[in-house]
Every structure is written in structure tokens, then in C-alpha cells.
C-alpha atoms as a PDB file:
ATOM      1  CA  MET A   1     -26.573-144.586 158.134  1.00  0.00           C
ATOM      2  CA  THR A   2     -29.690-142.434 158.413  1.00  0.00           C
ATOM      3  CA  PHE A   3     -29.820-141.781 154.621  1.00  0.00           C
ATOM      4  CA  LEU A   4     -30.649-145.375 153.638  1.00  0.00           C
ATOM      5  CA  PRO A   5     -33.837-145.740 155.786  1.00  0.00           C
ATOM      6  CA  LEU A   6     -35.098-142.380 154.465  1.00  0.00           C
ATOM      7  CA  LEU A   7     -34.547-143.496 150.894  1.00  0.00           C
ATOM      8  CA  LEU A   8     -36.378-146.752 151.501  1.00  0.00           C
ATOM      9  CA  LEU A   9     -39.287-144.841 153.052  1.00  0.00           C
ATOM     10  CA  LEU A  10     -39.552-142.543 150.029  1.00  0.00           C
ATOM     11  CA  LEU A  11     -39.443-145.521 147.658  1.00  0.00           C
ATOM     12  CA  PHE A  12     -42.206-147.240 149.613  1.00  0.00           C
ATOM     13  CA  CYS A  13     -44.419-144.131 149.474  1.00  0.00           C
ATOM     14  CA  PHE A  14     -43.826-143.853 145.719  1.00  0.00           C
ATOM     15  CA  LEU A  15     -44.833-147.469 145.138  1.00  0.00           C
ATOM     16  CA  LEU A  16     -47.890-146.975 147.330  1.00  0.00           C
ATOM     17  CA  CYS A  17     -48.998-143.972 145.275  1.00  0.00           C
ATOM     18  CA  LEU A  18     -48.525-145.881 142.007  1.00  0.00           C
ATOM     19  CA  THR A  19     -50.607-148.758 143.379  1.00  0.00           C
ATOM     20  CA  TRP A  20     -53.403-146.395 144.435  1.00  0.00           C
ATOM     21  CA  LEU A  21     -53.482-144.678 141.025  1.00  0.00           C
ATOM     22  CA  TRP A  22     -53.525-147.982 139.159  1.00  0.00           C
ATOM     23  CA  HIS A  23     -56.346-149.281 141.355  1.00  0.00           C
ATOM     24  CA  ARG A  24     -58.420-146.154 140.756  1.00  0.00           C
ATOM     25  CA  ASP A  25     -57.907-146.286 136.980  1.00  0.00           C
ATOM     26  CA  TRP A  26     -58.878-149.970 136.901  1.00  0.00           C
ATOM     27  CA  ALA A  27     -62.061-149.290 138.907  1.00  0.00           C
ATOM     28  CA  HIS A  28     -63.042-146.448 136.535  1.00  0.00           C
ATOM     29  CA  ARG A  29     -62.527-148.581 133.437  1.00  0.00           C
ATOM     30  CA  GLY A  30     -64.412-151.479 134.910  1.00  0.00           C
ATOM     31  CA  LEU A  31     -67.365-149.267 135.886  1.00  0.00           C
ATOM     32  CA  GLN A  32     -67.477-147.733 132.413  1.00  0.00           C
ATOM     33  CA  HIS A  33     -67.410-151.171 130.846  1.00  0.00           C
ATOM     34  CA  LEU A  34     -70.287-152.291 133.024  1.00  0.00           C
ATOM     35  CA  THR A  35     -72.385-149.209 132.195  1.00  0.00           C
ATOM     36  CA  VAL A  36     -71.873-149.756 128.474  1.00  0.00           C
ATOM     37  CA  LYS A  37     -73.041-153.341 128.783  1.00  0.00           C
ATOM     38  CA  THR A  38     -76.143-152.586 130.873  1.00  0.00           C
ATOM     39  CA  ALA A  39     -77.319-149.472 128.910  1.00  0.00           C
ATOM     40  CA  HIS A  40     -80.342-150.059 126.656  1.00  0.00           C
ATOM     41  CA  PRO A  41     -80.476-148.465 123.192  1.00  0.00           C
ATOM     42  CA  MET A  42     -82.910-145.554 122.874  1.00  0.00           C
ATOM     43  CA  VAL A  43     -85.971-146.504 120.855  1.00  0.00           C
ATOM     44  CA  HIS A  44     -88.808-144.375 119.523  1.00  0.00           C
ATOM     45  CA  ARG A  45     -92.435-145.139 119.001  1.00  0.00           C
ATOM     46  CA  LEU A  46     -93.707-145.476 115.460  1.00  0.00           C
ATOM     47  CA  LEU A  47     -95.850-142.502 114.427  1.00  0.00           C
ATOM     48  CA  LYS A  48     -99.358-143.590 113.486  1.00  0.00           C
ATOM     49  CA  PRO A  49    -101.678-141.419 111.357  1.00  0.00           C
ATOM     50  CA  ARG A  50    -104.890-140.181 112.931  1.00  0.00           C
ATOM     51  CA  PRO A  51    -108.389-140.046 111.404  1.00  0.00           C
ATOM     52  CA  PRO A  52    -110.214-136.778 110.585  1.00  0.00           C
ATOM     53  CA  LEU A  53    -112.189-137.040 113.837  1.00  0.00           C
ATOM     54  CA  ASP A  54    -109.011-136.095 115.721  1.00  0.00           C
ATOM     55  CA  CYS A  55    -108.888-132.732 113.920  1.00  0.00           C
ATOM     56  CA  PRO A  56    -111.113-130.133 115.690  1.00  0.00           C
ATOM     57  CA  ALA A  57    -111.704-128.295 112.391  1.00  0.00           C
ATOM     58  CA  CYS A  58    -112.618-131.417 110.384  1.00  0.00           C
ATOM     59  CA  ARG A  59    -114.842-132.969 113.065  1.00  0.00           C
ATOM     60  CA  PRO A  60    -117.960-130.815 112.343  1.00  0.00           C
ATOM     61  CA  ALA A  61    -117.599-131.438 108.599  1.00  0.00           C
ATOM     62  CA  SER A  62    -117.363-135.208 109.080  1.00  0.00           C
ATOM     63  CA  THR A  63    -120.629-135.318 111.042  1.00  0.00           C
ATOM     64  CA  PRO A  64    -123.595-135.783 108.669  1.00  0.00           C
ATOM     65  CA  SER A  65    -126.213-133.074 108.902  1.00  0.00           C
ATOM     66  CA  LEU A  66    -129.816-134.186 109.376  1.00  0.00           C
ATOM     67  CA  ASP A  67    -131.334-130.729 108.861  1.00  0.00           C
ATOM     68  CA  ALA A  68    -130.433-130.450 105.183  1.00  0.00           C
ATOM     69  CA  GLY A  69    -133.516-129.214 103.365  1.00  0.00           C
ATOM     70  CA  PRO A  70    -134.335-129.221  99.676  1.00  0.00           C
ATOM     71  CA  ALA A  71    -132.051-127.424  97.258  1.00  0.00           C
ATOM     72  CA  PRO A  72    -133.035-123.777  96.647  1.00  0.00           C
ATOM     73  CA  ALA A  73    -134.547-122.857  93.333  1.00  0.00           C
ATOM     74  CA  PRO A  74    -132.270-121.136  90.782  1.00  0.00           C
ATOM     75  CA  VAL A  75    -132.378-117.338  90.890  1.00  0.00           C
ATOM     76  CA  ARG A  76    -133.349-115.526  87.704  1.00  0.00           C
ATOM     77  CA  PRO A  77    -131.391-112.431  86.607  1.00  0.00           C
ATOM     78  CA  TRP A  78    -133.010-109.156  87.649  1.00  0.00           C
ATOM     79  CA  ARG A  79    -133.212-107.885  84.089  1.00  0.00           C
ATOM     80  CA  GLU A  80    -135.614-110.750  83.324  1.00  0.00           C
ATOM     81  CA  VAL A  81    -137.772-109.980  86.362  1.00  0.00           C
ATOM     82  CA  LYS A  82    -137.971-106.166  86.390  1.00  0.00           C
ATOM     83  CA  SER A  83    -140.119-104.039  84.111  1.00  0.00           C
ATOM     84  CA  ARG A  84    -138.735-102.943  80.783  1.00  0.00           C
ATOM     85  CA  ARG A  85    -139.484 -99.303  81.558  1.00  0.00           C
ATOM     86  CA  GLY A  86    -136.998 -97.012  83.269  1.00  0.00           C
ATOM     87  CA  ALA A  87    -133.688 -95.354  82.458  1.00  0.00           C
ATOM     88  CA  PRO A  88    -130.698 -97.544  81.586  1.00  0.00           C
ATOM     89  CA  LYS A  89    -127.841 -97.971  84.051  1.00  0.00           C
ATOM     90  CA  ARG A  90    -125.102 -95.348  83.699  1.00  0.00           C
ATOM     91  CA  ILE A  91    -122.991 -96.173  86.791  1.00  0.00           C
ATOM     92  CA  ASP A  92    -120.511 -99.034  86.876  1.00  0.00           C
ATOM     93  CA  ILE A  93    -121.811-101.537  89.459  1.00  0.00           C
ATOM     94  CA  GLU A  94    -119.450-104.386  88.602  1.00  0.00           C
ATOM     95  CA  ASP A  95    -117.787-106.093  91.640  1.00  0.00           C
ATOM     96  CA  PHE A  96    -120.484-104.754  94.007  1.00  0.00           C
ATOM     97  CA  ALA A  97    -123.050-106.998  95.685  1.00  0.00           C
ATOM     98  CA  CYS A  98    -126.114-106.616  97.886  1.00  0.00           C
ATOM     99  CA  PRO A  99    -125.111-106.872 101.591  1.00  0.00           C
ATOM    100  CA  ASN A 100    -128.541-108.079 102.754  1.00  0.00           C
ATOM    101  CA  PRO A 101    -128.369-111.829 103.635  1.00  0.00           C
ATOM    102  CA  GLN A 102    -132.143-112.145 103.125  1.00  0.00           C
ATOM    103  CA  CYS A 103    -131.942-110.937  99.508  1.00  0.00           C
ATOM    104  CA  ARG A 104    -131.867-113.545  96.746  1.00  0.00           C
ATOM    105  CA  TYR A 105    -129.036-111.585  95.062  1.00  0.00           C
ATOM    106  CA  PHE A 106    -126.880-111.531  98.183  1.00  0.00           C
ATOM    107  CA  GLY A 107    -123.153-111.749  97.429  1.00  0.00           C
ATOM    108  CA  ASN A 108    -123.602-111.720  93.620  1.00  0.00           C
ATOM    109  CA  THR A 109    -121.151-109.316  91.951  1.00  0.00           C
ATOM    110  CA  ASP A 110    -122.272-109.845  88.338  1.00  0.00           C
ATOM    111  CA  ALA A 111    -123.595-106.550  86.934  1.00  0.00           C
ATOM    112  CA  HIS A 112    -125.789-108.440  84.415  1.00  0.00           C
ATOM    113  CA  PHE A 113    -127.388-110.520  87.158  1.00  0.00           C
ATOM    114  CA  HIS A 114    -127.950-108.510  90.370  1.00  0.00           C
ATOM    115  CA  ALA A 115    -130.389-105.636  90.945  1.00  0.00           C
ATOM    116  CA  LEU A 116    -128.053-102.810  91.979  1.00  0.00           C
ATOM    117  CA  VAL A 117    -128.419 -99.241  90.693  1.00  0.00           C
ATOM    118  CA  GLY A 118    -126.817 -95.947  91.630  1.00  0.00           C
ATOM    119  CA  ASP A 119    -128.646 -93.879  94.262  1.00  0.00           C
ATOM    120  CA  GLY A 120    -126.756 -90.574  94.366  1.00  0.00           C
ATOM    121  CA  LYS A 121    -123.655 -89.417  96.223  1.00  0.00           C
ATOM    122  CA  HIS A 122    -122.964 -87.912  99.630  1.00  0.00           C
ATOM    123  CA  GLY A 123    -120.014 -86.518 101.594  1.00  0.00           C
ATOM    124  CA  ARG A 124    -118.481 -83.057 101.994  1.00  0.00           C
ATOM    125  CA  VAL A 125    -114.757 -83.751 101.635  1.00  0.00           C
ATOM    126  CA  GLU A 126    -115.081 -86.593  99.117  1.00  0.00           C
ATOM    127  CA  ARG A 127    -118.110 -87.626  97.104  1.00  0.00           C
ATOM    128  CA  ILE A 128    -119.040 -91.220  98.012  1.00  0.00           C
ATOM    129  CA  GLN A 129    -121.269 -93.275  95.709  1.00  0.00           C
ATOM    130  CA  THR A 130    -124.448 -94.839  97.158  1.00  0.00           C
ATOM    131  CA  PHE A 131    -126.052 -97.977  95.716  1.00  0.00           C
ATOM    132  CA  ARG A 132    -129.546 -99.387  96.093  1.00  0.00           C
ATOM    133  CA  CYS A 133    -130.778-102.927  95.527  1.00  0.00           C
ATOM    134  CA  GLN A 134    -134.066-102.851  93.605  1.00  0.00           C
ATOM    135  CA  ALA A 135    -134.994-106.343  94.800  1.00  0.00           C
ATOM    136  CA  CYS A 136    -134.880-105.740  98.597  1.00  0.00           C
ATOM    137  CA  ARG A 137    -134.606-101.894  98.741  1.00  0.00           C
ATOM    138  CA  THR A 138    -131.337-102.010 100.710  1.00  0.00           C
ATOM    139  CA  THR A 139    -129.004 -99.021 100.355  1.00  0.00           C
ATOM    140  CA  PHE A 140    -125.262 -99.011 101.037  1.00  0.00           C
ATOM    141  CA  THR A 141    -122.173 -97.055 100.050  1.00  0.00           C
ATOM    142  CA  SER A 142    -119.221 -98.043  97.896  1.00  0.00           C
ATOM    143  CA  ARG A 143    -116.994 -97.995 101.003  1.00  0.00           C
ATOM    144  CA  ARG A 144    -118.887-100.750 102.773  1.00  0.00           C
ATOM    145  CA  HIS A 145    -116.649-103.649 103.911  1.00  0.00           C
ATOM    146  CA  THR A 146    -113.534-101.460 103.429  1.00  0.00           C
ATOM    147  CA  PRO A 147    -111.236 -99.754 105.974  1.00  0.00           C
ATOM    148  CA  LEU A 148    -112.677 -96.355 104.955  1.00  0.00           C
ATOM    149  CA  TYR A 149    -116.266 -97.216 105.885  1.00  0.00           C
ATOM    150  CA  ARG A 150    -117.890 -94.379 107.901  1.00  0.00           C
ATOM    151  CA  LEU A 151    -114.648 -92.407 108.172  1.00  0.00           C
ATOM    152  CA  LYS A 152    -114.733 -88.626 107.750  1.00  0.00           C
ATOM    153  CA  THR A 153    -110.968 -88.327 107.236  1.00  0.00           C
ATOM    154  CA  PRO A 154    -109.892 -87.979 103.591  1.00  0.00           C
ATOM    155  CA  SER A 155    -108.816 -91.237 102.043  1.00  0.00           C
ATOM    156  CA  TYR A 156    -105.416 -89.918 100.903  1.00  0.00           C
ATOM    157  CA  HIS A 157    -104.561 -88.936 104.500  1.00  0.00           C
ATOM    158  CA  VAL A 158    -105.417 -92.424 105.785  1.00  0.00           C
ATOM    159  CA  ALA A 159    -103.362 -93.946 102.962  1.00  0.00           C
ATOM    160  CA  MET A 160    -100.289 -91.867 103.887  1.00  0.00           C
ATOM    161  CA  VAL A 161    -100.557 -92.827 107.563  1.00  0.00           C
ATOM    162  CA  LEU A 162    -100.887 -96.548 106.771  1.00  0.00           C
ATOM    163  CA  ALA A 163     -97.972 -96.352 104.312  1.00  0.00           C
ATOM    164  CA  ALA A 164     -95.798 -94.764 107.012  1.00  0.00           C
ATOM    165  CA  LEU A 165     -96.748 -97.496 109.471  1.00  0.00           C
ATOM    166  CA  ALA A 166     -95.985-100.188 106.888  1.00  0.00           C
ATOM    167  CA  GLU A 167     -92.494 -98.726 106.399  1.00  0.00           C
ATOM    168  CA  GLY A 168     -91.767 -99.072 110.127  1.00  0.00           C
ATOM    169  CA  LEU A 169     -92.708 -95.685 111.601  1.00  0.00           C
ATOM    170  CA  ASP A 170     -93.789 -95.901 115.243  1.00  0.00           C
ATOM    171  CA  PRO A 171     -97.452 -94.983 116.020  1.00  0.00           C
ATOM    172  CA  SER A 172     -96.335 -92.301 118.503  1.00  0.00           C
ATOM    173  CA  ALA A 173     -94.062 -90.772 115.846  1.00  0.00           C
ATOM    174  CA  THR A 174     -96.880 -91.020 113.309  1.00  0.00           C
ATOM    175  CA  GLU A 175     -99.079 -89.019 115.679  1.00  0.00           C
ATOM    176  CA  ARG A 176     -96.511 -86.202 115.819  1.00  0.00           C
ATOM    177  CA  VAL A 177     -95.897 -86.198 112.055  1.00  0.00           C
ATOM    178  CA  PHE A 178     -99.483 -86.384 110.730  1.00  0.00           C
ATOM    179  CA  GLY A 179    -101.348 -84.809 113.652  1.00  0.00           C
ATOM    180  CA  SER A 180    -103.884 -87.643 114.189  1.00  0.00           C
ATOM    181  CA  ARG A 181    -104.497 -89.227 117.600  1.00  0.00           C
ATOM    182  CA  GLN A 182    -102.704 -92.478 118.320  1.00  0.00           C
ATOM    183  CA  ALA A 183    -105.985 -94.220 119.176  1.00  0.00           C
ATOM    184  CA  THR A 184    -107.371 -93.204 115.772  1.00  0.00           C
ATOM    185  CA  ILE A 185    -104.237 -94.439 113.997  1.00  0.00           C
ATOM    186  CA  THR A 186    -104.492 -97.758 115.835  1.00  0.00           C
ATOM    187  CA  THR A 187    -108.119 -98.094 114.695  1.00  0.00           C
ATOM    188  CA  TRP A 188    -107.105 -97.477 111.083  1.00  0.00           C
ATOM    189  CA  LEU A 189    -104.339-100.043 111.368  1.00  0.00           C
ATOM    190  CA  PHE A 190    -106.725-102.630 112.842  1.00  0.00           C
ATOM    191  CA  ARG A 191    -109.240-102.046 110.037  1.00  0.00           C
ATOM    192  CA  ALA A 192    -106.531-102.342 107.383  1.00  0.00           C
ATOM    193  CA  GLY A 193    -105.333-105.607 108.911  1.00  0.00           C
ATOM    194  CA  GLU A 194    -108.828-107.112 108.863  1.00  0.00           C
ATOM    195  CA  HIS A 195    -109.320-106.032 105.244  1.00  0.00           C
ATOM    196  CA  ALA A 196    -105.933-107.490 104.265  1.00  0.00           C
ATOM    197  CA  GLN A 197    -106.961-110.802 105.815  1.00  0.00           C
ATOM    198  CA  THR A 198    -110.194-110.743 103.782  1.00  0.00           C
ATOM    199  CA  LEU A 199    -108.292-110.039 100.557  1.00  0.00           C
ATOM    200  CA  HIS A 200    -105.821-112.814 101.375  1.00  0.00           C
ATOM    201  CA  THR A 201    -108.662-115.294 101.851  1.00  0.00           C
ATOM    202  CA  HIS A 202    -110.336-114.159  98.612  1.00  0.00           C
ATOM    203  CA  PHE A 203    -107.326-114.282  96.291  1.00  0.00           C
ATOM    204  CA  PHE A 204    -105.451-117.217  97.833  1.00  0.00           C
ATOM    205  CA  SER A 205    -108.046-119.820  96.948  1.00  0.00           C
ATOM    206  CA  ASN A 206    -108.102-122.771  94.528  1.00  0.00           C
ATOM    207  CA  LEU A 207    -104.314-122.895  94.543  1.00  0.00           C
ATOM    208  CA  ARG A 208    -102.384-125.765  93.006  1.00  0.00           C
ATOM    209  CA  LEU A 209     -99.140-126.083  94.917  1.00  0.00           C
ATOM    210  CA  PRO A 210     -96.979-129.135  94.133  1.00  0.00           C
ATOM    211  CA  HIS A 211     -94.556-128.655  97.050  1.00  0.00           C
ATOM    212  CA  VAL A 212     -95.435-127.037 100.392  1.00  0.00           C
ATOM    213  CA  GLN A 213     -92.908-126.427 103.156  1.00  0.00           C
ATOM    214  CA  LEU A 214     -94.107-126.209 106.776  1.00  0.00           C
ATOM    215  CA  ASP A 215     -92.135-124.365 109.414  1.00  0.00           C
ATOM    216  CA  GLU A 216     -92.576-122.334 112.603  1.00  0.00           C
ATOM    217  CA  LEU A 217     -90.661-119.295 113.861  1.00  0.00           C
ATOM    218  CA  ARG A 218     -90.141-118.441 117.522  1.00  0.00           C
ATOM    219  CA  THR A 219     -91.123-114.868 118.405  1.00  0.00           C
ATOM    220  CA  ARG A 220     -92.022-112.741 121.391  1.00  0.00           C
ATOM    221  CA  LEU A 221     -94.293-109.688 121.437  1.00  0.00           C
ATOM    222  CA  ARG A 222     -93.646-106.632 123.551  1.00  0.00           C
ATOM    223  CA  CYS A 223     -96.990-106.802 125.341  1.00  0.00           C
ATOM    224  CA  CYS A 224     -96.810-110.576 125.938  1.00  0.00           C
ATOM    225  CA  ARG A 225     -94.482-112.387 128.294  1.00  0.00           C
ATOM    226  CA  GLN A 226     -95.020-115.861 126.898  1.00  0.00           C
ATOM    227  CA  VAL A 227     -93.289-117.064 123.756  1.00  0.00           C
ATOM    228  CA  LEU A 228     -95.412-117.273 120.606  1.00  0.00           C
ATOM    229  CA  TRP A 229     -94.817-119.209 117.411  1.00  0.00           C
ATOM    230  CA  LEU A 230     -95.431-117.997 113.864  1.00  0.00           C
ATOM    231  CA  TRP A 231     -96.642-120.968 111.795  1.00  0.00           C
ATOM    232  CA  LEU A 232     -95.817-120.780 108.077  1.00  0.00           C
ATOM    233  CA  ALA A 233     -96.837-122.751 105.014  1.00  0.00           C
ATOM    234  CA  PHE A 234     -95.201-121.560 101.796  1.00  0.00           C
ATOM    235  CA  ASP A 235     -94.737-122.817  98.273  1.00  0.00           C
ATOM    236  CA  ALA A 236     -91.173-123.904  97.527  1.00  0.00           C
ATOM    237  CA  ARG A 237     -91.320-122.698  93.903  1.00  0.00           C
ATOM    238  CA  THR A 238     -93.218-119.386  93.961  1.00  0.00           C
ATOM    239  CA  LYS A 239     -92.449-118.500  97.637  1.00  0.00           C
ATOM    240  CA  ILE A 240     -96.050-117.456  98.315  1.00  0.00           C
ATOM    241  CA  LEU A 241     -97.436-117.775 101.853  1.00  0.00           C
ATOM    242  CA  PRO A 242    -101.006-119.118 101.722  1.00  0.00           C
ATOM    243  CA  VAL A 243    -101.154-119.681 105.513  1.00  0.00           C
ATOM    244  CA  LEU A 244     -99.886-117.545 108.417  1.00  0.00           C
ATOM    245  CA  GLN A 245    -100.952-118.370 111.980  1.00  0.00           C
ATOM    246  CA  LEU A 246     -99.745-116.940 115.297  1.00  0.00           C
ATOM    247  CA  GLY A 247    -100.147-119.105 118.376  1.00  0.00           C
ATOM    248  CA  PRO A 248     -98.537-121.618 120.743  1.00  0.00           C
ATOM    249  CA  ARG A 249     -96.674-124.703 119.603  1.00  0.00           C
ATOM    250  CA  THR A 250     -99.501-127.169 120.214  1.00  0.00           C
ATOM    251  CA  GLN A 251    -101.345-129.885 118.323  1.00  0.00           C
ATOM    252  CA  HIS A 252    -104.430-127.672 117.998  1.00  0.00           C
ATOM    253  CA  MET A 253    -102.439-124.990 116.143  1.00  0.00           C
ATOM    254  CA  ALA A 254    -100.954-127.619 113.814  1.00  0.00           C
ATOM    255  CA  HIS A 255    -104.476-128.813 112.962  1.00  0.00           C
ATOM    256  CA  LEU A 256    -105.548-125.214 112.344  1.00  0.00           C
ATOM    257  CA  VAL A 257    -102.630-124.540 109.988  1.00  0.00           C
ATOM    258  CA  ILE A 258    -103.169-127.701 107.927  1.00  0.00           C
ATOM    259  CA  HIS A 259    -106.935-127.132 107.769  1.00  0.00           C
ATOM    260  CA  SER A 260    -106.443-123.528 106.582  1.00  0.00           C
ATOM    261  CA  LEU A 261    -104.044-124.784 103.925  1.00  0.00           C
ATOM    262  CA  ARG A 262    -106.574-127.373 102.750  1.00  0.00           C
ATOM    263  CA  GLU A 263    -109.233-124.669 102.317  1.00  0.00           C
ATOM    264  CA  SER A 264    -106.906-122.551 100.157  1.00  0.00           C
ATOM    265  CA  LEU A 265    -105.956-125.429  97.828  1.00  0.00           C
ATOM    266  CA  ALA A 266    -107.906-126.522  94.778  1.00  0.00           C
ATOM    267  CA  PRO A 267    -110.161-129.600  95.038  1.00  0.00           C
ATOM    268  CA  GLY A 268    -108.138-132.770  94.579  1.00  0.00           C
ATOM    269  CA  CYS A 269    -104.758-131.078  95.083  1.00  0.00           C
ATOM    270  CA  LEU A 270    -102.441-133.168  97.292  1.00  0.00           C
ATOM    271  CA  PRO A 271     -99.021-131.446  97.554  1.00  0.00           C
ATOM    272  CA  LEU A 272     -95.754-132.853  98.803  1.00  0.00           C
ATOM    273  CA  PHE A 273     -95.134-131.785 102.414  1.00  0.00           C
ATOM    274  CA  THR A 274     -91.685-131.143 103.882  1.00  0.00           C
ATOM    275  CA  SER A 275     -90.967-129.934 107.412  1.00  0.00           C
ATOM    276  CA  ASP A 276     -88.299-129.854 110.110  1.00  0.00           C
ATOM    277  CA  GLY A 277     -89.447-133.204 111.530  1.00  0.00           C
ATOM    278  CA  LEU A 278     -91.974-131.870 114.033  1.00  0.00           C
ATOM    279  CA  ASN A 279     -94.397-134.668 114.961  1.00  0.00           C
ATOM    280  CA  LEU A 280     -97.332-132.247 115.230  1.00  0.00           C
ATOM    281  CA  TYR A 281     -97.380-131.887 111.435  1.00  0.00           C
ATOM    282  CA  PHE A 282     -97.528-135.650 110.982  1.00  0.00           C
ATOM    283  CA  TYR A 283    -100.606-136.035 113.202  1.00  0.00           C
ATOM    284  CA  ALA A 284    -102.357-133.019 111.645  1.00  0.00           C
ATOM    285  CA  ALA A 285    -101.620-133.549 107.940  1.00  0.00           C
ATOM    286  CA  LEU A 286    -103.766-136.629 107.356  1.00  0.00           C
ATOM    287  CA  GLY A 287    -106.996-135.240 108.807  1.00  0.00           C
ATOM    288  CA  PRO A 288    -107.995-132.644 106.152  1.00  0.00           C
ATOM    289  CA  PHE A 289    -106.473-134.739 103.322  1.00  0.00           C
ATOM    290  CA  TRP A 290    -108.180-137.976 104.420  1.00  0.00           C
ATOM    291  CA  THR A 291    -110.536-138.164 101.424  1.00  0.00           C
ATOM    292  CA  LEU A 292    -107.661-137.602  98.971  1.00  0.00           C
ATOM    293  CA  ALA A 293    -105.758-140.724 100.047  1.00  0.00           C
ATOM    294  CA  PRO A 294    -107.343-143.780  98.340  1.00  0.00           C
ATOM    295  CA  GLY A 295    -107.317-147.078 100.153  1.00  0.00           C
ATOM    296  CA  ALA A 296    -106.933-145.594 103.658  1.00  0.00           C
ATOM    297  CA  SER A 297    -110.222-146.772 105.089  1.00  0.00           C
ATOM    298  CA  SER A 298    -109.120-148.136 108.448  1.00  0.00           C
ATOM    299  CA  ARG A 299    -106.290-147.845 110.906  1.00  0.00           C
ATOM    300  CA  GLN A 300    -104.856-151.228 109.838  1.00  0.00           C
ATOM    301  CA  GLU A 301    -104.715-150.276 106.125  1.00  0.00           C
ATOM    302  CA  ARG A 302    -102.658-147.130 106.598  1.00  0.00           C
ATOM    303  CA  ALA A 303     -99.025-147.012 105.531  1.00  0.00           C
ATOM    304  CA  SER A 304     -96.495-145.101 107.573  1.00  0.00           C
ATOM    305  CA  MET A 305     -95.623-141.610 106.372  1.00  0.00           C
ATOM    306  CA  ALA A 306     -92.172-140.032 106.183  1.00  0.00           C
ATOM    307  CA  GLY A 307     -91.159-136.987 108.167  1.00  0.00           C
ATOM    308  CA  GLY A 308     -91.463-138.315 111.711  1.00  0.00           C
ATOM    309  CA  GLY A 309     -87.756-138.237 112.506  1.00  0.00           C
ATOM    310  CA  TRP A 310     -85.934-141.395 113.633  1.00  0.00           C
ATOM    311  CA  PRO A 311     -87.486-144.871 113.232  1.00  0.00           C
ATOM    312  CA  ASP A 312     -89.886-145.114 116.160  1.00  0.00           C
ATOM    313  CA  LEU A 313     -89.969-148.685 117.469  1.00  0.00           C
ATOM    314  CA  ARG A 314     -90.926-150.285 120.738  1.00  0.00           C
ATOM    315  CA  PRO A 315     -88.518-152.580 122.650  1.00  0.00           C
ATOM    316  CA  GLY A 316     -88.327-155.947 120.885  1.00  0.00           C
ATOM    317  CA  GLU A 317     -89.661-154.686 117.510  1.00  0.00           C
ATOM    318  CA  GLU A 318     -87.743-154.738 114.239  1.00  0.00           C
ATOM    319  CA  MET A 319     -87.830-152.276 111.378  1.00  0.00           C
ATOM    320  CA  LEU A 320     -89.491-153.644 108.248  1.00  0.00           C
ATOM    321  CA  THR A 321     -89.389-152.338 104.711  1.00  0.00           C
ATOM    322  CA  PHE A 322     -92.354-150.509 103.224  1.00  0.00           C
ATOM    323  CA  GLY A 323     -93.495-153.450 101.113  1.00  0.00           C
ATOM    324  CA  ALA A 324     -93.211-155.946 103.963  1.00  0.00           C
ATOM    325  CA  SER A 325     -95.063-153.723 106.420  1.00  0.00           C
ATOM    326  CA  TRP A 326     -97.789-152.978 103.870  1.00  0.00           C
ATOM    327  CA  SER A 327     -98.318-156.675 103.032  1.00  0.00           C
ATOM    328  CA  ALA A 328     -98.312-157.579 106.728  1.00  0.00           C
ATOM    329  CA  SER A 329    -100.944-154.949 107.479  1.00  0.00           C
ATOM    330  CA  ARG A 330    -103.078-156.131 104.573  1.00  0.00           C
ATOM    331  CA  THR A 331    -103.066-159.717 105.849  1.00  0.00           C
END
């Protein structure tokens, strides 16, 4: 007699548990259904190009200068100005220029135009050629504006140390191998880096690149705690790197990279840009190349550019085709 009430009690508990589970599952499904109905789709703002005044590097160039004086008179070659008397030149002075900014032949490397002559040699370990400008009487050595300027160490020793550093040898190990102080080796490395930057600026000019890829690499230096970014701009066909910048991932650095690329390109060259979809490139690309885009005279006459990621619309807006948006902006 006592077995039947116990069985009924167990059956009642089982039905109660099934009811509780069903009620909980129904509440979860109903709440999920309500959240799906009330959730708004994620929209993005449409990227709008910016004028050159937004670029810190293009802003000074866009401002007209009121202090522009008359154009300087053309400079005559020195061989037409100097006297016909004197010994002929026996030393090769091609690719050398007068370093005096006040001289009228400043920066001219043409041997048939400037006024440079040889003025003897000096040095105990290595004989260094000295030049003299006959127009302004300025003297300088052949090592001026080079990493070896005013160094008493032989040039072959400096070349071996820099080659070892370029292959990955640590400066402390270089000090033990070559016997030079680490501070001296660091000075040589700093000078070589500055000279390499000068050569890069000189040779990577007037480039015609049809396709340029923009990217940034995340890096961290040993002496710095914050994360730095290596900005790259390289040609997709030849794989050359006309621009390398190290700095934070900000809009100012994006403007600096695009402006440096514009200075290295030939006049009138407008390459095709591809990137990883970073919006900083979109806002920075149109500033230096503003004069190369015909018909973009105002903010209303600008067409949207690709590369900004997803379609960026405000709530209530609809995506139009390129032709419809262009005709609507024109009207």
C-alpha cells in the first residue's frame, strides 16, 4: 500500500521538472526572438575626401607667398668669366659642387660650369684631395658630406666595421673584434644612416610607379616601451621602397608618408593605390594629389574613393551607384 503513493510522488516530481525545463526553454527562445527584432543593423559613415589644407605638409605650399622677388639672373659658366691665362685642369672635379650657399655656383656639379680646381692633398694615413672654388675662394675636401668627413681612421677599417654591423653583428661584439670603442662605432653607424637617407632621397626621385601598395608593420624597439609602426610604400612590380617612415599609427604619419611619396614621384604621375583598408590612407591620399585630380574643385563635386572598407552610411540613407551619386552631387 505504501508503494503506490511513493510512485505517484515520483511521477509528480518528474512532471514538475519537465514543466520547469519547458518554461525556461520557451523564455530563452522568446527573449532571443525579441532581441533579434529590436537590434539595429550596424551602419558606417561614408568616407569623405579632405582638401590639401588638412595635410600639415601641404598647408605651407598651398599658402601663396607674398615675398617672392624677381627671378635671379642666369649664371654664366666660369670658363667664360675667368681669365684665359693659367694652367688647365688636371684633376677630375665632376660630381663635386661648391658648399658655400652664398656662391653663385652653389650645388652645381657640372665640371664645365662651376669654378672648382684642385688645391693639393693632405692626410698622413690616406691622401685626401682638397678643392677650391675660384669664384668665392671656399676650400673643402672630397670627403665633405660623407660619413668619412674629418675621421682619422682609415676608410677600409670603417668599411669593415659597417659591413659587420650590416650583417647583424652586435656593436659590443664589434668592439671586441675590431678594437674600436662602442661609442665610436655608434657614431659611424649614425653617420652612415644619415648618408644612406641622403642617397635614397637623391636617387629615388622622378619615379613613375603605376601601382603603389601602402601598408604598416607593427614593431617594438628594445629601448622603447610603446609600440611603433613601420609605414611602407612599395611598387607592386619592381618591389622598390620609395618611402619608409617609423612612427605611431596616427593621421599625421599617414599624411607624412603620402607627402613623401608625392615628392619622390615624377610630375603628373598618379599611381593606383591599394591598402589594407585603413581609413587614414583615404584621408591622406587626396591632399598631395589634389592638383592631379581634374574637376575636384569643391567638396560637393568630389566622387567617393574606394578603399574605405564597408559602405559607410548613416541611419536612413541608401547606397547609390557611382553614376547616380555623381549626377546627384552635380545637381
